[in-house]
Amino acid sequence: MSELIPKAESQLSSVAQKRREQQMNDRRLFLKSGAALAAAGAMTSFASAEEAEDQAKNSPGERVVMGIMGVNGRGSAIARGMMAAGNTEVAYVCDVDTQAASRVSQLVGEVQKKDPKVVGDFRRILDDTGVDVLVVAAPNHWHAPATILGCSAGKHVYVEKPCSHTPEEGEMAVAAARKNKRIVQMGTQRRSWPGIVEAIQRIHEGAIGEVLYSRTWYNNRRPSIGVGKPTEVPDWLDWRLWQGPAPDRPYKDNVVHYNWHWHWDWGNGELGNNGVHGIDVARWGLEVTYPVRVTAGGGKYRHDDDQETPDTLMVTMDFPEGKSITWEGLSWSPLGPHDSGFGISFHGSEGSLVQQGTGYVMYDMKGKEIATGNGAGGDKDHFDDFLDGVRTGRLTNADIEIAHQSTLLCHLGNIAYRTGSVVNTDPANGHITGNPTAQALWGREYAPGWQPKV
């Protein structure tokens, strides 16, 4: 026992240190956003009448008021990005972790000089008719149910990737957006990055000939998540509401706030976590929608721990147009193709194009570099696109239907892996055919009262 105490104290110290680092990083980034807003205000104050008129023509329209659900990680970044976009207000900060909610609400208040309301249940946001947008940045199992409820309450929705936890939920999210005439955007930012937009345009214009294949990959060096121990729920966490639509499971000490990704009840593995970014661009470039066949191979090889999802996975998606996409996920070894941990390559009859970072490199059939392009990355262009869609009513770059089509490929890959089978699909809608075992994973089990409805 005495040998375990120092180890436990070390782990607690590490957790505390990470929390302090998170707080410091949040504050630095939030205040940077505030400085940018202040600078923009100063520029407006000292602008000439003519410059002010030009700024007014190019500025966003009416003010967009939003509530953000899930602020411990990605939601915090979305908050500062949306505030920096201009003419927006974060009216609500929502999290079932009271510590995260308190921390981020304070930072939001410092930047926009107006304190947001702090709530634990996002349905309080839906009840407020003064809110225009619901931002869904909670874990994956919340994405579609919250989107559906948000649309039904008359809110536009910005939802993090993947847009659903199951194929069935994705279809329902599309139906909810269309029925309620709401703008719904998924957080696949590459749809709005100028360098990637240029790359896809060049592909579509025939710069590398007839493009038949796209390879996507993600490599990382993730540590073991260990073996969790059942323990009392921390007093700062509403565990039942954290689970929400998911079935009630005992609380373990190694799930919150990130390792839920590797459990099927709440996450979609690395394929749904990072794979969706690459697969979305690949599908866009190849101009394909639904596949005819999906196969997968791999397993969990590196760590002996609680992770349920594979740490090594290869998925192949074949399309009726005679084209194919592959995704390789290797979450324990950082070296990927082209010496990159993330990327997408397109292969055509006259050359190839590799997308890395925020740009691309084009090659001829001898592997000689013949063209490059680049552009801004980050969230700004994607947020601007979403807010413009909210203000004008036009569909956005990563509209929910596009989002569902790309997310579905990830779901089908996971289903093929989990069932150890070839998943054949209807190319009209992506539905699984002739495979009852795989079809059983089209939907999921819900906690009582949480079954999504449109």
Protein backbone atom coordinates (compact mmCIF):
# COMPACT_ATOMS: atom_id res chain seq x y z
CA MET A 1 0.00 0.00 0.00
CA SER A 2 2.79 2.42 0.87
CA GLU A 3 4.22 2.01 -2.64
CA LEU A 4 0.89 2.99 -4.19
CA ILE A 5 0.45 6.21 -2.23
CA PRO A 6 3.29 8.17 -3.90
CA LYS A 7 2.05 7.01 -7.30
CA ALA A 8 -1.48 8.16 -6.53
CA GLU A 9 -0.20 11.48 -5.24
CA SER A 10 1.86 11.86 -8.41
CA GLN A 11 -1.20 11.21 -10.56
CA LEU A 12 -3.24 13.74 -8.60
CA SER A 13 -0.44 16.26 -8.93
CA SER A 14 -0.33 15.64 -12.67
CA VAL A 15 -4.09 16.17 -12.99
CA ALA A 16 -3.90 19.38 -10.97
CA GLN A 17 -1.00 20.62 -13.09
CA LYS A 18 -2.90 19.88 -16.31
CA ARG A 19 -5.93 21.76 -14.97
CA ARG A 20 -3.76 24.78 -14.09
CA GLU A 21 -2.18 24.67 -17.54
CA GLN A 22 -5.63 24.50 -19.13
CA GLN A 23 -6.78 27.51 -17.12
CA MET A 24 -3.69 29.52 -18.07
CA ASN A 25 -4.02 28.57 -21.74
CA ASP A 26 -7.73 29.44 -21.80
CA ARG A 27 -7.04 32.81 -20.23
CA ARG A 28 -4.20 33.60 -22.64
CA LEU A 29 -6.28 32.73 -25.71
CA PHE A 30 -9.40 34.47 -24.46
CA LEU A 31 -7.55 37.66 -23.64
CA LYS A 32 -5.91 37.50 -27.05
CA SER A 33 -9.40 37.41 -28.55
CA GLY A 34 -10.37 40.35 -26.36
CA ALA A 35 -7.35 42.31 -27.53
CA ALA A 36 -8.33 41.64 -31.12
CA LEU A 37 -11.85 42.89 -30.46
CA ALA A 38 -10.53 45.97 -28.69
CA ALA A 39 -8.17 46.67 -31.57
CA ALA A 40 -11.03 46.36 -34.02
CA GLY A 41 -13.02 48.82 -31.92
CA ALA A 42 -10.14 51.28 -31.84
CA MET A 43 -9.75 51.08 -35.60
CA THR A 44 -13.41 51.88 -36.03
CA SER A 45 -13.19 54.81 -33.63
CA PHE A 46 -10.37 56.47 -35.56
CA ALA A 47 -11.56 55.58 -39.06
CA SER A 48 -12.59 58.26 -41.52
CA ALA A 49 -16.22 58.53 -42.54
CA GLU A 50 -15.42 56.86 -45.85
CA GLU A 51 -13.53 54.00 -44.15
CA ALA A 52 -16.35 53.56 -41.66
CA GLU A 53 -18.83 53.30 -44.52
CA ASP A 54 -16.66 50.65 -46.21
CA GLN A 55 -16.41 48.72 -42.94
CA ALA A 56 -20.17 48.86 -42.50
CA LYS A 57 -20.67 47.36 -45.97
CA ASN A 58 -18.32 44.48 -45.15
CA SER A 59 -19.36 43.91 -41.52
CA PRO A 60 -21.73 41.15 -40.37
CA GLY A 61 -25.43 41.90 -40.26
CA GLU A 62 -27.66 41.53 -37.25
CA ARG A 63 -26.27 40.41 -33.91
CA VAL A 64 -26.15 36.64 -33.36
CA VAL A 65 -26.80 35.44 -29.82
CA MET A 66 -25.64 31.97 -28.87
CA GLY A 67 -25.40 29.41 -26.11
CA ILE A 68 -22.49 27.01 -25.95
CA MET A 69 -22.99 23.46 -24.72
CA GLY A 70 -19.77 21.81 -23.52
CA VAL A 71 -16.93 24.22 -22.78
CA ASN A 72 -14.19 22.16 -21.19
CA GLY A 73 -12.19 21.79 -24.40
CA ARG A 74 -13.37 22.50 -27.92
CA GLY A 75 -16.31 24.59 -26.74
CA SER A 76 -13.94 27.05 -25.10
CA ALA A 77 -12.13 27.56 -28.42
CA ILE A 78 -15.44 28.02 -30.23
CA ALA A 79 -16.52 30.64 -27.70
CA ARG A 80 -13.49 32.83 -28.24
CA GLY A 81 -13.61 32.32 -32.02
CA MET A 82 -17.27 33.26 -32.28
CA MET A 83 -16.73 36.35 -30.13
CA ALA A 84 -13.81 37.42 -32.31
CA ALA A 85 -16.02 37.07 -35.41
CA GLY A 86 -17.84 40.26 -34.43
CA ASN A 87 -21.44 41.24 -33.72
CA THR A 88 -22.02 38.12 -31.65
CA GLU A 89 -22.85 37.45 -28.03
CA VAL A 90 -22.29 34.35 -25.93
CA ALA A 91 -25.37 34.53 -23.75
CA TYR A 92 -25.04 31.08 -22.15
CA VAL A 93 -22.18 28.87 -21.06
CA CYS A 94 -23.38 25.34 -20.35
CA ASP A 95 -21.47 22.41 -18.91
CA VAL A 96 -22.20 19.52 -16.56
CA ASP A 97 -18.73 20.20 -15.14
CA THR A 98 -19.30 23.19 -12.85
CA GLN A 99 -15.59 23.95 -12.69
CA ALA A 100 -15.29 24.25 -16.47
CA ALA A 101 -18.49 26.27 -16.71
CA SER A 102 -17.31 28.72 -14.06
CA ARG A 103 -13.86 29.11 -15.58
CA VAL A 104 -15.04 29.74 -19.14
CA SER A 105 -17.95 31.98 -18.18
CA GLN A 106 -15.53 34.26 -16.35
CA LEU A 107 -13.26 34.43 -19.37
CA VAL A 108 -16.18 35.09 -21.73
CA GLY A 109 -17.36 37.90 -19.46
CA GLU A 110 -13.91 39.49 -19.48
CA VAL A 111 -13.78 39.53 -23.28
CA GLN A 112 -17.30 40.64 -24.17
CA LYS A 113 -17.75 42.81 -21.04
CA LYS A 114 -21.02 41.06 -20.30
CA ASP A 115 -21.34 37.96 -18.16
CA PRO A 116 -23.07 34.97 -19.76
CA LYS A 117 -25.62 32.93 -17.87
CA VAL A 118 -24.21 29.67 -16.53
CA VAL A 119 -26.38 26.53 -16.77
CA GLY A 120 -25.81 22.82 -16.40
CA ASP A 121 -28.70 21.66 -18.61
CA PHE A 122 -28.59 22.87 -22.22
CA ARG A 123 -32.38 22.73 -22.45
CA ARG A 124 -32.40 26.02 -20.52
CA ILE A 125 -30.75 27.55 -23.60
CA LEU A 126 -33.48 26.14 -25.81
CA ASP A 127 -36.14 27.73 -23.62
CA ASP A 128 -34.75 31.24 -24.27
CA THR A 129 -36.33 32.70 -27.38
CA GLY A 130 -33.65 35.38 -27.49
CA VAL A 131 -30.97 32.83 -28.40
CA ASP A 132 -30.31 32.32 -32.11
CA VAL A 133 -27.66 29.59 -32.08
CA LEU A 134 -26.90 26.46 -30.08
CA VAL A 135 -23.25 25.38 -30.24
CA VAL A 136 -22.91 21.65 -29.50
CA ALA A 137 -19.39 20.84 -28.30
CA ALA A 138 -20.28 18.13 -25.78
CA PRO A 139 -19.11 14.51 -26.36
CA ASN A 140 -20.14 12.66 -29.53
CA HIS A 141 -23.16 10.87 -28.08
CA TRP A 142 -24.76 14.29 -27.53
CA HIS A 143 -24.13 15.73 -31.00
CA ALA A 144 -27.21 14.61 -32.90
CA PRO A 145 -29.75 14.53 -30.03
CA ALA A 146 -28.83 18.10 -29.05
CA THR A 147 -28.86 19.22 -32.69
CA ILE A 148 -32.32 17.73 -33.21
CA LEU A 149 -33.70 19.37 -30.07
CA GLY A 150 -32.02 22.65 -31.00
CA CYS A 151 -33.60 22.71 -34.46
CA SER A 152 -36.99 21.82 -32.98
CA ALA A 153 -36.63 24.77 -30.58
CA GLY A 154 -35.96 27.13 -33.50
CA LYS A 155 -32.20 27.42 -33.01
CA HIS A 156 -29.53 27.27 -35.68
CA VAL A 157 -26.82 24.82 -34.71
CA TYR A 158 -23.04 24.65 -34.93
CA VAL A 159 -22.16 21.05 -34.06
CA GLU A 160 -18.72 19.59 -33.59
CA LYS A 161 -17.63 16.56 -35.61
CA PRO A 162 -18.84 13.91 -36.02
CA CYS A 163 -22.37 15.20 -36.44
CA SER A 164 -23.87 11.98 -35.07
CA HIS A 165 -23.08 8.94 -32.99
CA THR A 166 -24.92 6.52 -35.32
CA PRO A 167 -26.10 6.58 -38.96
CA GLU A 168 -29.72 6.76 -37.83
CA GLU A 169 -29.02 9.90 -35.81
CA GLY A 170 -27.34 11.53 -38.80
CA GLU A 171 -30.41 11.07 -40.96
CA MET A 172 -32.59 12.46 -38.18
CA ALA A 173 -30.37 15.53 -37.79
CA VAL A 174 -30.73 16.29 -41.51
CA ALA A 175 -34.50 15.83 -41.27
CA ALA A 176 -34.70 18.14 -38.23
CA ALA A 177 -32.72 20.89 -39.96
CA ARG A 178 -34.85 20.73 -43.10
CA LYS A 179 -38.19 20.44 -41.30
CA ASN A 180 -37.46 23.46 -39.10
CA LYS A 181 -35.58 25.41 -41.80
CA ARG A 182 -32.50 25.79 -39.60
CA ILE A 183 -28.87 26.28 -40.58
CA VAL A 184 -26.70 23.46 -39.19
CA GLN A 185 -22.94 23.44 -39.73
CA MET A 186 -20.46 20.73 -38.71
CA GLY A 187 -16.99 21.63 -37.47
CA THR A 188 -15.01 20.25 -40.42
CA GLN A 189 -13.07 23.48 -40.97
CA ARG A 190 -11.17 22.33 -44.05
CA ARG A 191 -14.36 22.94 -46.04
CA SER A 192 -13.66 26.65 -45.52
CA TRP A 193 -9.85 26.83 -45.68
CA PRO A 194 -8.82 28.82 -48.80
CA GLY A 195 -5.84 26.58 -49.60
CA ILE A 196 -7.95 23.42 -49.43
CA VAL A 197 -10.78 25.01 -51.42
CA GLU A 198 -8.20 25.87 -54.11
CA ALA A 199 -6.82 22.33 -54.09
CA ILE A 200 -10.27 20.79 -54.57
CA GLN A 201 -11.04 23.27 -57.33
CA ARG A 202 -7.87 22.26 -59.18
CA ILE A 203 -8.78 18.59 -58.82
CA HIS A 204 -12.27 19.24 -60.19
CA GLU A 205 -10.79 21.21 -63.09
CA GLY A 206 -8.74 18.17 -64.12
CA ALA A 207 -5.29 19.31 -63.01
CA ILE A 208 -4.26 15.73 -62.19
CA GLY A 209 -6.51 14.03 -64.73
CA GLU A 210 -9.27 11.60 -63.84
CA VAL A 211 -9.07 11.13 -60.09
CA LEU A 212 -9.90 7.62 -58.97
CA TYR A 213 -8.47 7.19 -55.49
CA SER A 214 -7.90 9.16 -52.30
CA ARG A 215 -5.81 8.02 -49.38
CA THR A 216 -6.34 9.57 -45.93
CA TRP A 217 -4.45 8.94 -42.71
CA TYR A 218 -4.05 9.92 -39.09
CA ASN A 219 -1.06 9.05 -36.91
CA ASN A 220 -0.43 9.92 -33.29
CA ARG A 221 1.31 8.69 -30.16
CA ARG A 222 -1.51 8.34 -27.68
CA PRO A 223 -0.67 6.95 -24.24
CA SER A 224 -2.55 4.18 -22.48
CA ILE A 225 -5.81 5.20 -20.79
CA GLY A 226 -5.19 2.64 -18.08
CA VAL A 227 -7.75 0.54 -16.27
CA GLY A 228 -10.39 2.69 -14.62
CA LYS A 229 -11.71 2.10 -11.15
CA PRO A 230 -15.34 2.60 -10.15
CA THR A 231 -15.47 5.50 -7.75
CA GLU A 232 -17.80 8.17 -6.44
CA VAL A 233 -18.80 10.83 -8.94
CA PRO A 234 -16.93 14.10 -8.24
CA ASP A 235 -19.12 16.79 -6.71
CA TRP A 236 -18.40 19.09 -9.68
CA LEU A 237 -19.82 16.66 -12.26
CA ASP A 238 -23.41 15.73 -13.12
CA TRP A 239 -22.62 12.23 -14.39
CA ARG A 240 -26.19 11.30 -15.31
CA LEU A 241 -26.61 14.42 -17.43
CA TRP A 242 -23.13 13.94 -18.92
CA GLN A 243 -24.37 10.58 -20.19
CA GLY A 244 -27.70 12.09 -21.28
CA PRO A 245 -29.06 9.98 -24.15
CA ALA A 246 -26.54 7.19 -23.55
CA PRO A 247 -27.43 4.24 -21.30
CA ASP A 248 -26.52 4.69 -17.66
CA ARG A 249 -23.10 3.27 -16.85
CA PRO A 250 -21.10 3.27 -13.60
CA TYR A 251 -18.67 6.16 -13.23
CA LYS A 252 -15.00 5.29 -13.62
CA ASP A 253 -12.03 7.53 -12.93
CA ASN A 254 -10.49 7.37 -16.43
CA VAL A 255 -13.34 8.48 -18.71
CA VAL A 256 -13.88 12.22 -18.22
CA HIS A 257 -12.83 14.47 -19.96
CA TYR A 258 -11.26 12.84 -23.00
CA ASN A 259 -11.01 9.06 -22.85
CA TRP A 260 -14.71 8.62 -23.57
CA HIS A 261 -13.63 8.81 -27.24
CA TRP A 262 -12.43 5.22 -26.97
CA HIS A 263 -15.67 3.72 -25.60
CA TRP A 264 -18.50 2.77 -27.96
CA ASP A 265 -21.22 4.10 -25.63
CA TRP A 266 -19.99 7.67 -26.06
CA GLY A 267 -17.35 7.91 -28.78
CA ASN A 268 -16.59 6.69 -32.29
CA GLY A 269 -12.89 5.90 -31.95
CA GLU A 270 -10.19 7.64 -33.95
CA LEU A 271 -12.16 7.14 -37.16
CA GLY A 272 -14.95 9.40 -35.90
CA ASN A 273 -12.58 11.66 -33.99
CA ASN A 274 -9.99 12.62 -36.62
CA GLY A 275 -10.78 10.36 -39.55
CA VAL A 276 -13.88 12.36 -40.43
CA HIS A 277 -11.71 15.41 -41.26
CA GLY A 278 -9.72 13.55 -43.90
CA ILE A 279 -12.58 11.45 -45.26
CA ASP A 280 -14.72 14.56 -45.70
CA VAL A 281 -12.09 16.22 -47.90
CA ALA A 282 -11.50 12.98 -49.82
CA ARG A 283 -15.20 12.58 -50.58
CA TRP A 284 -15.39 16.24 -51.62
CA GLY A 285 -12.44 15.89 -53.98
CA LEU A 286 -13.63 12.63 -55.57
CA GLU A 287 -17.20 13.98 -55.89
CA VAL A 288 -18.73 10.84 -54.40
CA THR A 289 -21.55 10.47 -51.92
CA TYR A 290 -22.66 7.03 -50.76
CA PRO A 291 -20.54 3.87 -51.13
CA VAL A 292 -21.45 0.41 -52.37
CA ARG A 293 -19.03 -1.46 -50.10
CA VAL A 294 -17.01 -0.77 -46.94
CA THR A 295 -14.41 -3.09 -45.43
CA ALA A 296 -12.16 -2.69 -42.40
CA GLY A 297 -9.29 -4.49 -40.75
CA GLY A 298 -7.21 -3.82 -37.67
CA GLY A 299 -7.44 -4.12 -33.94
CA LYS A 300 -6.29 -2.91 -30.56
CA TYR A 301 -2.64 -3.86 -30.39
CA ARG A 302 -0.55 -1.36 -28.44
CA HIS A 303 -1.93 -1.01 -24.89
CA ASP A 304 -3.63 -3.40 -22.50
CA ASP A 305 -6.20 -1.01 -21.08
CA ASP A 306 -9.89 -0.05 -21.11
CA GLN A 307 -9.95 1.22 -24.70
CA GLU A 308 -12.69 -0.53 -26.69
CA THR A 309 -12.06 1.07 -30.10
CA PRO A 310 -9.16 -0.01 -32.35
CA ASP A 311 -5.80 1.73 -32.19
CA THR A 312 -4.83 0.38 -35.61
CA LEU A 313 -7.39 0.44 -38.42
CA MET A 314 -7.53 0.42 -42.21
CA VAL A 315 -10.87 1.16 -43.88
CA THR A 316 -11.65 0.92 -47.60
CA MET A 317 -14.72 2.61 -49.08
CA ASP A 318 -15.69 1.73 -52.67
CA PHE A 319 -18.10 3.90 -54.64
CA PRO A 320 -20.39 3.22 -57.60
CA GLU A 321 -18.41 5.69 -59.74
CA GLY A 322 -15.47 3.28 -59.72
CA LYS A 323 -13.57 5.33 -57.15
CA SER A 324 -12.21 4.49 -53.71
CA ILE A 325 -11.18 6.12 -50.43
CA THR A 326 -8.99 4.54 -47.79
CA TRP A 327 -8.31 5.68 -44.25
CA GLU A 328 -5.44 4.50 -42.12
CA GLY A 329 -5.52 5.21 -38.40
CA LEU A 330 -2.51 4.44 -36.24
CA SER A 331 -2.91 6.14 -32.89
CA TRP A 332 0.26 4.82 -31.24
CA SER A 333 2.91 5.59 -33.89
CA PRO A 334 3.33 9.20 -35.06
CA LEU A 335 5.01 8.73 -38.45
CA GLY A 336 2.57 8.74 -41.35
CA PRO A 337 2.82 8.98 -45.14
CA HIS A 338 4.74 11.96 -46.49
CA ASP A 339 6.28 12.31 -43.00
CA SER A 340 2.96 13.69 -41.77
CA GLY A 341 0.67 12.72 -38.92
CA PHE A 342 -2.40 13.78 -40.90
CA GLY A 343 -3.03 14.11 -44.60
CA ILE A 344 -5.03 13.38 -47.71
CA SER A 345 -3.64 12.41 -51.11
CA PHE A 346 -5.50 12.30 -54.42
CA HIS A 347 -4.32 10.10 -57.27
CA GLY A 348 -5.32 10.76 -60.86
CA SER A 349 -4.46 9.60 -64.35
CA GLU A 350 -2.12 12.58 -64.87
CA GLY A 351 -0.64 13.14 -61.42
CA SER A 352 -1.24 13.38 -57.69
CA LEU A 353 -2.05 16.03 -55.10
CA VAL A 354 -1.18 15.84 -51.42
CA GLN A 355 -2.96 17.99 -48.85
CA GLN A 356 -1.01 18.65 -45.68
CA GLY A 357 -1.47 21.46 -43.19
CA THR A 358 -3.41 24.30 -44.76
CA GLY A 359 -2.22 23.81 -48.32
CA TYR A 360 -1.26 21.30 -51.00
CA VAL A 361 1.52 20.07 -53.27
CA MET A 362 0.86 18.75 -56.78
CA TYR A 363 3.03 16.15 -58.53
CA ASP A 364 3.30 14.84 -62.08
CA MET A 365 3.35 11.13 -62.92
CA LYS A 366 7.09 10.98 -62.29
CA GLY A 367 6.72 12.33 -58.77
CA LYS A 368 8.06 15.78 -59.68
CA GLU A 369 6.57 18.71 -57.78
CA ILE A 370 4.75 20.95 -60.25
CA ALA A 371 2.56 23.27 -58.16
CA THR A 372 1.82 24.32 -54.58
CA GLY A 373 -0.80 26.35 -52.80
CA ASN A 374 -1.54 27.49 -49.28
CA GLY A 375 -3.88 29.63 -47.23
CA ALA A 376 -5.14 30.42 -43.76
CA GLY A 377 -6.24 27.66 -41.41
CA GLY A 378 -7.96 27.73 -38.04
CA ASP A 379 -11.60 28.45 -37.33
CA LYS A 380 -12.15 31.99 -38.63
CA ASP A 381 -13.30 31.28 -42.18
CA HIS A 382 -15.53 28.42 -41.04
CA PHE A 383 -17.16 30.48 -38.31
CA ASP A 384 -17.65 33.39 -40.71
CA ASP A 385 -19.30 31.02 -43.17
CA PHE A 386 -21.66 29.69 -40.51
CA LEU A 387 -22.61 33.13 -39.20
CA ASP A 388 -23.26 34.36 -42.73
CA GLY A 389 -25.52 31.36 -43.27
CA VAL A 390 -27.42 32.17 -40.09
CA ARG A 391 -27.88 35.79 -41.19
CA THR A 392 -28.81 35.08 -44.82
CA GLY A 393 -30.44 31.65 -44.68
CA ARG A 394 -28.09 30.08 -47.26
CA LEU A 395 -26.69 26.60 -46.72
CA THR A 396 -23.11 26.61 -45.47
CA ASN A 397 -19.88 24.90 -46.55
CA ALA A 398 -20.33 22.00 -44.14
CA ASP A 399 -24.12 21.88 -44.15
CA ILE A 400 -25.67 19.07 -42.14
CA GLU A 401 -26.45 16.97 -45.23
CA ILE A 402 -22.80 17.13 -46.36
CA ALA A 403 -21.81 16.47 -42.75
CA HIS A 404 -24.00 13.37 -42.54
CA GLN A 405 -22.70 11.94 -45.81
CA SER A 406 -19.10 12.18 -44.62
CA THR A 407 -19.81 11.06 -41.05
CA LEU A 408 -21.73 8.06 -42.37
CA LEU A 409 -18.55 6.72 -43.98
CA CYS A 410 -16.92 6.71 -40.56
CA HIS A 411 -19.86 4.90 -39.03
CA LEU A 412 -19.82 2.28 -41.79
CA GLY A 413 -16.09 1.75 -41.27
CA ASN A 414 -16.61 1.20 -37.55
CA ILE A 415 -19.53 -1.14 -38.22
CA ALA A 416 -17.44 -3.17 -40.67
CA TYR A 417 -14.71 -3.43 -38.01
CA ARG A 418 -17.05 -4.30 -35.14
CA THR A 419 -18.88 -7.00 -37.09
CA GLY A 420 -15.82 -8.36 -38.91
CA SER A 421 -17.82 -8.33 -42.12
CA VAL A 422 -18.04 -6.76 -45.55
CA VAL A 423 -20.66 -4.03 -45.36
CA ASN A 424 -22.54 -3.66 -48.64
CA THR A 425 -24.69 -0.55 -48.98
CA ASP A 426 -27.37 0.97 -51.16
CA PRO A 427 -25.61 3.69 -53.22
CA ALA A 428 -28.81 5.76 -53.15
CA ASN A 429 -28.71 6.39 -49.39
CA GLY A 430 -25.85 4.45 -47.79
CA HIS A 431 -28.14 2.01 -46.00
CA ILE A 432 -26.65 -1.39 -45.17
CA THR A 433 -28.03 -4.30 -47.20
CA GLY A 434 -28.10 -8.05 -46.61
CA ASN A 435 -26.23 -7.99 -43.29
CA PRO A 436 -28.52 -8.17 -40.22
CA THR A 437 -25.59 -8.06 -37.78
CA ALA A 438 -24.28 -4.84 -39.28
CA GLN A 439 -27.78 -3.39 -39.67
CA ALA A 440 -28.31 -3.81 -35.93
CA LEU A 441 -25.65 -1.11 -35.38
CA TRP A 442 -27.45 1.45 -37.56
CA GLY A 443 -29.01 2.86 -34.39
CA ARG A 444 -28.29 2.56 -30.68
CA GLU A 445 -29.80 1.98 -27.24
CA TYR A 446 -30.94 5.14 -25.44
CA ALA A 447 -31.54 6.05 -21.86
CA PRO A 448 -35.26 6.24 -21.03
CA GLY A 449 -36.83 9.43 -22.36
CA TRP A 450 -33.92 10.37 -24.60
CA GLN A 451 -34.89 8.71 -27.90
CA PRO A 452 -34.49 11.47 -30.54
CA LYS A 453 -37.63 12.45 -32.46
CA VAL A 454 -38.18 14.70 -35.45
